């Protein structure tokens, strides 16, 4: 379980009954998942609470999620998951060669993003020696393009919680995020490897640099190749840090259920 350092104490977050507890000898309340009384309201509050820089790529991700949630699948689509809290990549193959994202590198289909993410998730799992990271944190530093989506999906496919980083944060800030989230793996797109490498090396966190093929790689593999199925509802999806205007930044945990509600709110707004 995630144990973020908070004001000299350590809190721990437990998902089982939805309640947290503080480790013996600690007095600070643990962080909790973002409440979802109303998806639209929650998204607005969340957007004001976290760093505006962190929200930029997050908004792009939500748009990809929403387009996949709202668009009809092709008639050749494999069976789509009935669990509405499942991550969007579980539906991606159903949209095949349809365009999912357009960035400075070109057009990327759902199938291409899925295959690249699946390949990266296998590398992450091999690095950790496990087929399921069981909510270990995967920090990633990517530009606001296809690499962000691939790193995000790969973190989920491997069973981890994604921790997005921002390229304009100073080295000390990046070090704090990796240490506080207790990240076990770091991922960086080609242009950001030089920035993240010394931080990861200092903390002893293995760094996976993305190859340029993350932007132009072909969608290899068969239609039957799919990521491992998991129970998603109560699993953590993301940890996004606040701007830290009144102290050190604090990590806001978003579960897959939370994220699904946000996307549903976007689709139906």
C-alpha atoms as a PDB file:
ATOM      1  CA  UNK A   1       0.000   0.000   0.000  1.00  0.00           C
ATOM      2  CA  UNK A   2       1.116   3.561  -0.671  1.00  0.00           C
ATOM      3  CA  UNK A   3       2.646   5.299   2.327  1.00  0.00           C
ATOM      4  CA  UNK A   4       3.293   8.974   1.443  1.00  0.00           C
ATOM      5  CA  UNK A   5       5.451  11.090   3.703  1.00  0.00           C
ATOM      6  CA  UNK A   6       3.368  13.920   5.161  1.00  0.00           C
ATOM      7  CA  UNK A   7       4.689  16.658   7.450  1.00  0.00           C
ATOM      8  CA  UNK A   8       7.148  14.410   9.223  1.00  0.00           C
ATOM      9  CA  UNK A   9       4.698  11.509   9.578  1.00  0.00           C
ATOM     10  CA  UNK A  10       3.755   8.593   7.386  1.00  0.00           C
ATOM     11  CA  UNK A  11       0.156   7.861   6.412  1.00  0.00           C
ATOM     12  CA  UNK A  12      -1.072   4.690   4.771  1.00  0.00           C
ATOM     13  CA  UNK A  13      -3.974   4.217   2.402  1.00  0.00           C
ATOM     14  CA  UNK A  14      -6.064   1.034   2.434  1.00  0.00           C
ATOM     15  CA  UNK A  15      -8.630   0.283  -0.232  1.00  0.00           C
ATOM     16  CA  UNK A  16     -10.538  -2.654   1.268  1.00  0.00           C
ATOM     17  CA  UNK A  17     -13.300  -0.878   3.167  1.00  0.00           C
ATOM     18  CA  UNK A  18     -12.571   2.557   1.733  1.00  0.00           C
ATOM     19  CA  UNK A  19     -11.132   3.790   5.040  1.00  0.00           C
ATOM     20  CA  UNK A  20      -7.564   4.649   5.858  1.00  0.00           C
ATOM     21  CA  UNK A  21      -5.611   4.251   9.058  1.00  0.00           C
ATOM     22  CA  UNK A  22      -2.460   5.831  10.401  1.00  0.00           C
ATOM     23  CA  UNK A  23       0.500   3.680  11.295  1.00  0.00           C
ATOM     24  CA  UNK A  24       1.226   3.304  15.037  1.00  0.00           C
ATOM     25  CA  UNK A  25       2.844   6.388  16.492  1.00  0.00           C
ATOM     26  CA  UNK A  26       1.611   8.657  13.691  1.00  0.00           C
ATOM     27  CA  UNK A  27      -1.001  11.344  14.083  1.00  0.00           C
ATOM     28  CA  UNK A  28      -1.521  12.739  10.599  1.00  0.00           C
ATOM     29  CA  UNK A  29      -4.627  11.525   8.738  1.00  0.00           C
ATOM     30  CA  UNK A  30      -3.891   9.495   5.596  1.00  0.00           C
ATOM     31  CA  UNK A  31      -4.671  10.691   2.111  1.00  0.00           C
ATOM     32  CA  UNK A  32      -7.894   9.352   0.651  1.00  0.00           C
ATOM     33  CA  UNK A  33      -9.230   8.848  -2.837  1.00  0.00           C
ATOM     34  CA  UNK A  34     -10.956  11.778  -4.523  1.00  0.00           C
ATOM     35  CA  UNK A  35     -14.705  11.674  -3.627  1.00  0.00           C
ATOM     36  CA  UNK A  36     -17.176  11.423  -6.478  1.00  0.00           C
ATOM     37  CA  UNK A  37     -20.476  12.848  -5.259  1.00  0.00           C
ATOM     38  CA  UNK A  38     -20.731  14.508  -8.655  1.00  0.00           C
ATOM     39  CA  UNK A  39     -18.225  13.768 -11.461  1.00  0.00           C
ATOM     40  CA  UNK A  40     -18.364  17.287 -12.915  1.00  0.00           C
ATOM     41  CA  UNK A  41     -17.965  18.962  -9.529  1.00  0.00           C
ATOM     42  CA  UNK A  42     -15.175  16.607  -8.519  1.00  0.00           C
ATOM     43  CA  UNK A  43     -13.295  17.284 -11.735  1.00  0.00           C
ATOM     44  CA  UNK A  44     -13.557  21.030 -11.153  1.00  0.00           C
ATOM     45  CA  UNK A  45     -12.334  20.791  -7.563  1.00  0.00           C
ATOM     46  CA  UNK A  46      -9.574  18.399  -8.562  1.00  0.00           C
ATOM     47  CA  UNK A  47      -8.434  20.674 -11.398  1.00  0.00           C
ATOM     48  CA  UNK A  48      -8.130  23.624  -9.006  1.00  0.00           C
ATOM     49  CA  UNK A  49      -6.279  21.571  -6.381  1.00  0.00           C
ATOM     50  CA  UNK A  50      -3.545  20.007  -8.465  1.00  0.00           C
ATOM     51  CA  UNK A  51      -0.727  21.709 -10.306  1.00  0.00           C
ATOM     52  CA  UNK A  52      -1.954  23.308 -13.559  1.00  0.00           C
ATOM     53  CA  UNK A  53       1.101  21.878 -15.313  1.00  0.00           C
ATOM     54  CA  UNK A  54       0.125  18.351 -14.274  1.00  0.00           C
ATOM     55  CA  UNK A  55      -3.402  18.848 -15.622  1.00  0.00           C
ATOM     56  CA  UNK A  56      -2.361  19.641 -19.207  1.00  0.00           C
ATOM     57  CA  UNK A  57      -1.462  16.098 -20.292  1.00  0.00           C
ATOM     58  CA  UNK A  58      -4.172  14.762 -17.963  1.00  0.00           C
ATOM     59  CA  UNK A  59      -6.818  16.669 -19.953  1.00  0.00           C
ATOM     60  CA  UNK A  60      -5.509  15.113 -23.166  1.00  0.00           C
ATOM     61  CA  UNK A  61      -5.786  11.678 -21.582  1.00  0.00           C
ATOM     62  CA  UNK A  62      -9.368  12.363 -20.490  1.00  0.00           C
ATOM     63  CA  UNK A  63     -10.245  13.344 -24.069  1.00  0.00           C
ATOM     64  CA  UNK A  64      -8.861  10.042 -25.369  1.00  0.00           C
ATOM     65  CA  UNK A  65     -10.739   8.189 -22.644  1.00  0.00           C
ATOM     66  CA  UNK A  66     -13.962  10.015 -23.425  1.00  0.00           C
ATOM     67  CA  UNK A  67     -13.722   9.423 -27.169  1.00  0.00           C
ATOM     68  CA  UNK A  68     -13.218   5.713 -26.598  1.00  0.00           C
ATOM     69  CA  UNK A  69     -16.093   5.591 -24.109  1.00  0.00           C
ATOM     70  CA  UNK A  70     -18.555   7.427 -26.364  1.00  0.00           C
ATOM     71  CA  UNK A  71     -17.719   6.209 -29.871  1.00  0.00           C
ATOM     72  CA  UNK A  72     -19.339   3.035 -31.233  1.00  0.00           C
ATOM     73  CA  UNK A  73     -17.017   0.081 -31.692  1.00  0.00           C
ATOM     74  CA  UNK A  74     -16.470  -1.455 -35.134  1.00  0.00           C
ATOM     75  CA  UNK A  75     -18.407  -4.566 -36.105  1.00  0.00           C
ATOM     76  CA  UNK A  76     -15.174  -6.579 -35.985  1.00  0.00           C
ATOM     77  CA  UNK A  77     -14.470  -5.620 -32.380  1.00  0.00           C
ATOM     78  CA  UNK A  78     -13.643  -8.328 -29.847  1.00  0.00           C
ATOM     79  CA  UNK A  79     -15.924  -8.684 -26.864  1.00  0.00           C
ATOM     80  CA  UNK A  80     -15.886  -5.452 -24.888  1.00  0.00           C
ATOM     81  CA  UNK A  81     -15.642  -5.569 -21.082  1.00  0.00           C
ATOM     82  CA  UNK A  82     -18.856  -5.139 -19.141  1.00  0.00           C
ATOM     83  CA  UNK A  83     -17.023  -3.528 -16.198  1.00  0.00           C
ATOM     84  CA  UNK A  84     -17.477   0.208 -16.753  1.00  0.00           C
ATOM     85  CA  UNK A  85     -14.661   0.933 -14.294  1.00  0.00           C
ATOM     86  CA  UNK A  86     -12.117  -0.922 -16.454  1.00  0.00           C
ATOM     87  CA  UNK A  87      -9.402   1.284 -18.008  1.00  0.00           C
ATOM     88  CA  UNK A  88      -9.983   2.545 -21.530  1.00  0.00           C
ATOM     89  CA  UNK A  89      -7.283   0.317 -23.016  1.00  0.00           C
ATOM     90  CA  UNK A  90      -9.533  -2.702 -22.396  1.00  0.00           C
ATOM     91  CA  UNK A  91     -11.795  -1.276 -25.137  1.00  0.00           C
ATOM     92  CA  UNK A  92      -9.070   0.002 -27.470  1.00  0.00           C
ATOM     93  CA  UNK A  93      -8.854  -3.039 -29.751  1.00  0.00           C
ATOM     94  CA  UNK A  94     -12.554  -2.671 -30.414  1.00  0.00           C
ATOM     95  CA  UNK A  95     -11.771   0.572 -32.259  1.00  0.00           C
ATOM     96  CA  UNK A  96      -8.914  -0.939 -34.274  1.00  0.00           C
ATOM     97  CA  UNK A  97      -7.595   1.371 -36.972  1.00  0.00           C
ATOM     98  CA  UNK A  98      -9.674   4.382 -36.007  1.00  0.00           C
ATOM     99  CA  UNK A  99      -7.665   7.494 -35.137  1.00  0.00           C
ATOM    100  CA  UNK A 100      -7.337   7.927 -31.376  1.00  0.00           C
ATOM    101  CA  UNK A 101      -4.840  10.767 -31.127  1.00  0.00           C
ATOM    102  CA  UNK A 102      -3.169  13.353 -33.349  1.00  0.00           C
ATOM    103  CA  UNK A 103       0.052  15.012 -32.189  1.00  0.00           C
ATOM    104  CA  UNK A 104       3.200  16.567 -33.650  1.00  0.00           C
ATOM    105  CA  UNK A 105       4.423  13.092 -34.645  1.00  0.00           C
ATOM    106  CA  UNK A 106       1.363  12.199 -36.697  1.00  0.00           C
ATOM    107  CA  UNK A 107      -1.826  10.180 -36.303  1.00  0.00           C
ATOM    108  CA  UNK A 108      -2.066   7.266 -33.880  1.00  0.00           C
ATOM    109  CA  UNK A 109      -4.754   4.593 -33.994  1.00  0.00           C
ATOM    110  CA  UNK A 110      -6.243   2.837 -30.986  1.00  0.00           C
ATOM    111  CA  UNK A 111      -4.583  -0.405 -32.067  1.00  0.00           C
ATOM    112  CA  UNK A 112      -1.168   1.236 -32.354  1.00  0.00           C
ATOM    113  CA  UNK A 113      -1.417   2.834 -28.916  1.00  0.00           C
ATOM    114  CA  UNK A 114      -2.565  -0.481 -27.461  1.00  0.00           C
ATOM    115  CA  UNK A 115       0.294  -2.519 -28.978  1.00  0.00           C
ATOM    116  CA  UNK A 116       2.952  -0.024 -27.939  1.00  0.00           C
ATOM    117  CA  UNK A 117       1.516   0.109 -24.418  1.00  0.00           C
ATOM    118  CA  UNK A 118       1.386  -3.675 -24.164  1.00  0.00           C
ATOM    119  CA  UNK A 119       5.032  -3.934 -25.204  1.00  0.00           C
ATOM    120  CA  UNK A 120       6.085  -1.356 -22.605  1.00  0.00           C
ATOM    121  CA  UNK A 121       4.017  -3.056 -19.894  1.00  0.00           C
ATOM    122  CA  UNK A 122       5.861  -6.316 -20.571  1.00  0.00           C
ATOM    123  CA  UNK A 123       9.173  -4.520 -20.156  1.00  0.00           C
ATOM    124  CA  UNK A 124       7.972  -3.046 -16.858  1.00  0.00           C
ATOM    125  CA  UNK A 125       6.806  -6.444 -15.609  1.00  0.00           C
ATOM    126  CA  UNK A 126      10.080  -8.111 -16.620  1.00  0.00           C
ATOM    127  CA  UNK A 127      11.991  -5.411 -14.788  1.00  0.00           C
ATOM    128  CA  UNK A 128       9.950  -6.025 -11.620  1.00  0.00           C
ATOM    129  CA  UNK A 129       9.886  -9.807 -12.023  1.00  0.00           C
ATOM    130  CA  UNK A 130       6.104  -9.967 -11.733  1.00  0.00           C
ATOM    131  CA  UNK A 131       3.085 -10.110 -14.049  1.00  0.00           C
ATOM    132  CA  UNK A 132       1.121  -7.893 -11.660  1.00  0.00           C
ATOM    133  CA  UNK A 133       2.715  -4.916  -9.922  1.00  0.00           C
ATOM    134  CA  UNK A 134      -0.178  -4.849  -7.428  1.00  0.00           C
ATOM    135  CA  UNK A 135      -0.369  -1.066  -7.285  1.00  0.00           C
ATOM    136  CA  UNK A 136       3.354  -0.375  -7.253  1.00  0.00           C
ATOM    137  CA  UNK A 137       3.925   3.153  -8.490  1.00  0.00           C
ATOM    138  CA  UNK A 138       5.233   3.839 -12.000  1.00  0.00           C
ATOM    139  CA  UNK A 139       6.435   7.429 -12.429  1.00  0.00           C
ATOM    140  CA  UNK A 140       6.696   8.699 -15.986  1.00  0.00           C
ATOM    141  CA  UNK A 141       7.979  11.879 -17.597  1.00  0.00           C
ATOM    142  CA  UNK A 142       6.588  12.310 -21.105  1.00  0.00           C
ATOM    143  CA  UNK A 143       5.597  15.158 -23.367  1.00  0.00           C
ATOM    144  CA  UNK A 144       1.968  15.974 -24.037  1.00  0.00           C
ATOM    145  CA  UNK A 145       1.688  13.511 -26.925  1.00  0.00           C
ATOM    146  CA  UNK A 146       1.278   9.807 -27.706  1.00  0.00           C
ATOM    147  CA  UNK A 147       4.112   8.873 -25.338  1.00  0.00           C
ATOM    148  CA  UNK A 148       2.029  10.082 -22.378  1.00  0.00           C
ATOM    149  CA  UNK A 149      -0.862   7.782 -23.296  1.00  0.00           C
ATOM    150  CA  UNK A 150       1.446   4.803 -23.916  1.00  0.00           C
ATOM    151  CA  UNK A 151       3.205   5.250 -20.564  1.00  0.00           C
ATOM    152  CA  UNK A 152      -0.150   5.671 -18.811  1.00  0.00           C
ATOM    153  CA  UNK A 153      -1.742   2.597 -20.353  1.00  0.00           C
ATOM    154  CA  UNK A 154       1.409   0.524 -19.807  1.00  0.00           C
ATOM    155  CA  UNK A 155       1.404   1.436 -16.110  1.00  0.00           C
ATOM    156  CA  UNK A 156      -2.174   0.162 -15.840  1.00  0.00           C
ATOM    157  CA  UNK A 157      -1.589  -2.935 -17.963  1.00  0.00           C
ATOM    158  CA  UNK A 158       1.214  -3.962 -15.618  1.00  0.00           C
ATOM    159  CA  UNK A 159      -1.069  -3.512 -12.586  1.00  0.00           C
ATOM    160  CA  UNK A 160       0.629  -0.348 -11.343  1.00  0.00           C
ATOM    161  CA  UNK A 161      -0.466   3.139 -10.315  1.00  0.00           C
ATOM    162  CA  UNK A 162       0.685   5.846 -12.722  1.00  0.00           C
ATOM    163  CA  UNK A 163       2.465   8.926 -11.342  1.00  0.00           C
ATOM    164  CA  UNK A 164       2.765  11.614 -14.060  1.00  0.00           C
ATOM    165  CA  UNK A 165       5.692  14.019 -13.809  1.00  0.00           C
ATOM    166  CA  UNK A 166       6.207  17.392 -15.482  1.00  0.00           C
ATOM    167  CA  UNK A 167       9.261  18.428 -17.490  1.00  0.00           C
ATOM    168  CA  UNK A 168       9.493  21.957 -15.990  1.00  0.00           C
ATOM    169  CA  UNK A 169       9.732  20.764 -12.405  1.00  0.00           C
ATOM    170  CA  UNK A 170      13.248  21.206 -10.974  1.00  0.00           C
ATOM    171  CA  UNK A 171      15.328  18.151 -10.182  1.00  0.00           C
ATOM    172  CA  UNK A 172      14.643  18.451  -6.432  1.00  0.00           C
ATOM    173  CA  UNK A 173      10.893  18.399  -7.085  1.00  0.00           C
ATOM    174  CA  UNK A 174      11.126  15.338  -9.319  1.00  0.00           C
ATOM    175  CA  UNK A 175      13.187  13.611  -6.639  1.00  0.00           C
ATOM    176  CA  UNK A 176      10.517  14.411  -4.043  1.00  0.00           C
ATOM    177  CA  UNK A 177       7.740  12.971  -6.217  1.00  0.00           C
ATOM    178  CA  UNK A 178       9.606   9.712  -6.847  1.00  0.00           C
ATOM    179  CA  UNK A 179      10.556   9.323  -3.198  1.00  0.00           C
ATOM    180  CA  UNK A 180       7.184  10.303  -1.724  1.00  0.00           C
ATOM    181  CA  UNK A 181       5.209   8.039  -4.068  1.00  0.00           C
ATOM    182  CA  UNK A 182       7.701   5.230  -3.453  1.00  0.00           C
ATOM    183  CA  UNK A 183       7.913   4.617  -7.186  1.00  0.00           C
ATOM    184  CA  UNK A 184       9.486   1.295  -8.127  1.00  0.00           C
ATOM    185  CA  UNK A 185       9.932   2.136 -11.827  1.00  0.00           C
ATOM    186  CA  UNK A 186      10.466   5.343 -13.794  1.00  0.00           C
ATOM    187  CA  UNK A 187       9.694   5.809 -17.490  1.00  0.00           C
ATOM    188  CA  UNK A 188      10.835   8.694 -19.700  1.00  0.00           C
ATOM    189  CA  UNK A 189      10.265   9.606 -23.331  1.00  0.00           C
ATOM    190  CA  UNK A 190      13.464  10.064 -25.402  1.00  0.00           C
ATOM    191  CA  UNK A 191      13.660  13.840 -24.949  1.00  0.00           C
ATOM    192  CA  UNK A 192      13.361  13.637 -21.139  1.00  0.00           C
ATOM    193  CA  UNK A 193      15.750  10.778 -20.314  1.00  0.00           C
ATOM    194  CA  UNK A 194      18.603  13.191 -19.585  1.00  0.00           C
ATOM    195  CA  UNK A 195      16.453  15.106 -17.074  1.00  0.00           C
ATOM    196  CA  UNK A 196      15.094  12.101 -15.174  1.00  0.00           C
ATOM    197  CA  UNK A 197      18.130   9.817 -15.327  1.00  0.00           C
ATOM    198  CA  UNK A 198      20.216  11.438 -12.516  1.00  0.00           C
ATOM    199  CA  UNK A 199      17.165  11.577 -10.222  1.00  0.00           C
ATOM    200  CA  UNK A 200      16.311   7.915 -10.759  1.00  0.00           C
ATOM    201  CA  UNK A 201      19.942   6.897 -10.341  1.00  0.00           C
ATOM    202  CA  UNK A 202      20.250   8.821  -7.070  1.00  0.00           C
ATOM    203  CA  UNK A 203      17.176   7.086  -5.622  1.00  0.00           C
ATOM    204  CA  UNK A 204      18.044   3.672  -7.019  1.00  0.00           C
ATOM    205  CA  UNK A 205      14.870   3.573  -9.132  1.00  0.00           C
ATOM    206  CA  UNK A 206      15.291   1.711 -12.444  1.00  0.00           C
ATOM    207  CA  UNK A 207      14.632   3.932 -15.463  1.00  0.00           C
ATOM    208  CA  UNK A 208      13.055   2.653 -18.675  1.00  0.00           C
ATOM    209  CA  UNK A 209      13.754   5.038 -21.575  1.00  0.00           C
ATOM    210  CA  UNK A 210      11.129   4.921 -24.315  1.00  0.00           C
ATOM    211  CA  UNK A 211      12.460   4.285 -27.803  1.00  0.00           C
ATOM    212  CA  UNK A 212      11.506   6.573 -30.719  1.00  0.00           C
ATOM    213  CA  UNK A 213       9.221   3.752 -31.915  1.00  0.00           C
ATOM    214  CA  UNK A 214       6.746   4.884 -29.248  1.00  0.00           C
ATOM    215  CA  UNK A 215       5.722   7.512 -31.836  1.00  0.00           C
ATOM    216  CA  UNK A 216       6.052   5.609 -35.102  1.00  0.00           C
ATOM    217  CA  UNK A 217       6.127   1.908 -34.224  1.00  0.00           C
ATOM    218  CA  UNK A 218       3.838  -0.395 -36.176  1.00  0.00           C
ATOM    219  CA  UNK A 219       1.006  -2.207 -34.436  1.00  0.00           C
ATOM    220  CA  UNK A 220       2.521  -5.677 -34.221  1.00  0.00           C
ATOM    221  CA  UNK A 221       0.870  -8.748 -32.772  1.00  0.00           C
ATOM    222  CA  UNK A 222      -2.372 -10.607 -33.313  1.00  0.00           C
ATOM    223  CA  UNK A 223      -5.865  -9.563 -32.359  1.00  0.00           C
ATOM    224  CA  UNK A 224      -5.843 -12.232 -29.653  1.00  0.00           C
ATOM    225  CA  UNK A 225      -2.921 -10.596 -27.845  1.00  0.00           C
ATOM    226  CA  UNK A 226      -4.454  -8.736 -24.938  1.00  0.00           C
ATOM    227  CA  UNK A 227      -3.392  -7.428 -21.562  1.00  0.00           C
ATOM    228  CA  UNK A 228      -4.153  -9.479 -18.480  1.00  0.00           C
ATOM    229  CA  UNK A 229      -7.651  -9.053 -17.067  1.00  0.00           C
ATOM    230  CA  UNK A 230      -7.909  -7.689 -13.522  1.00  0.00           C
ATOM    231  CA  UNK A 231     -10.457  -6.438 -11.022  1.00  0.00           C
ATOM    232  CA  UNK A 232     -10.217  -2.680 -11.526  1.00  0.00           C
ATOM    233  CA  UNK A 233     -12.899  -0.974  -9.462  1.00  0.00           C
ATOM    234  CA  UNK A 234     -10.916  -0.397  -6.259  1.00  0.00           C
ATOM    235  CA  UNK A 235      -7.453  -0.328  -7.794  1.00  0.00           C
ATOM    236  CA  UNK A 236      -5.532   2.927  -7.810  1.00  0.00           C
ATOM    237  CA  UNK A 237      -5.119   4.461 -11.271  1.00  0.00           C
ATOM    238  CA  UNK A 238      -3.149   7.672 -10.728  1.00  0.00           C
ATOM    239  CA  UNK A 239      -1.405   9.742  -8.105  1.00  0.00           C
ATOM    240  CA  UNK A 240      -1.355  13.416  -9.127  1.00  0.00           C
ATOM    241  CA  UNK A 241       0.418  15.925  -6.915  1.00  0.00           C
ATOM    242  CA  UNK A 242      -1.041  19.238  -5.760  1.00  0.00           C
ATOM    243  CA  UNK A 243       0.755  22.496  -6.487  1.00  0.00           C
ATOM    244  CA  UNK A 244       2.072  22.667  -2.914  1.00  0.00           C
ATOM    245  CA  UNK A 245       1.298  26.362  -2.352  1.00  0.00           C
ATOM    246  CA  UNK A 246       0.795  25.891   1.418  1.00  0.00           C
ATOM    247  CA  UNK A 247       3.498  23.301   1.970  1.00  0.00           C
ATOM    248  CA  UNK A 248       4.963  20.295   0.241  1.00  0.00           C
ATOM    249  CA  UNK A 249       2.870  18.910  -2.632  1.00  0.00           C
ATOM    250  CA  UNK A 250       0.529  16.106  -1.603  1.00  0.00           C
ATOM    251  CA  UNK A 251      -0.482  13.192  -3.772  1.00  0.00           C
ATOM    252  CA  UNK A 252      -4.152  12.849  -4.745  1.00  0.00           C
ATOM    253  CA  UNK A 253      -5.077   9.223  -5.420  1.00  0.00           C
ATOM    254  CA  UNK A 254      -7.578   8.534  -8.207  1.00  0.00           C
ATOM    255  CA  UNK A 255      -8.995   5.014  -8.517  1.00  0.00           C
ATOM    256  CA  UNK A 256     -10.136   3.486 -11.795  1.00  0.00           C
ATOM    257  CA  UNK A 257     -13.686   3.884 -10.537  1.00  0.00           C
ATOM    258  CA  UNK A 258     -13.066   7.619  -9.966  1.00  0.00           C
ATOM    259  CA  UNK A 259     -11.547   8.043 -13.405  1.00  0.00           C
ATOM    260  CA  UNK A 260     -14.427   6.203 -15.055  1.00  0.00           C
ATOM    261  CA  UNK A 261     -16.910   8.545 -13.384  1.00  0.00           C
ATOM    262  CA  UNK A 262     -14.951  11.597 -14.580  1.00  0.00           C
ATOM    263  CA  UNK A 263     -14.996  10.329 -18.154  1.00  0.00           C
ATOM    264  CA  UNK A 264     -18.699   9.507 -17.963  1.00  0.00           C
ATOM    265  CA  UNK A 265     -19.296  13.060 -16.774  1.00  0.00           C
ATOM    266  CA  UNK A 266     -17.389  14.432 -19.784  1.00  0.00           C
ATOM    267  CA  UNK A 267     -19.255  12.220 -22.246  1.00  0.00           C
ATOM    268  CA  UNK A 268     -22.693  13.156 -20.927  1.00  0.00           C
ATOM    269  CA  UNK A 269     -22.038  16.867 -20.284  1.00  0.00           C
END
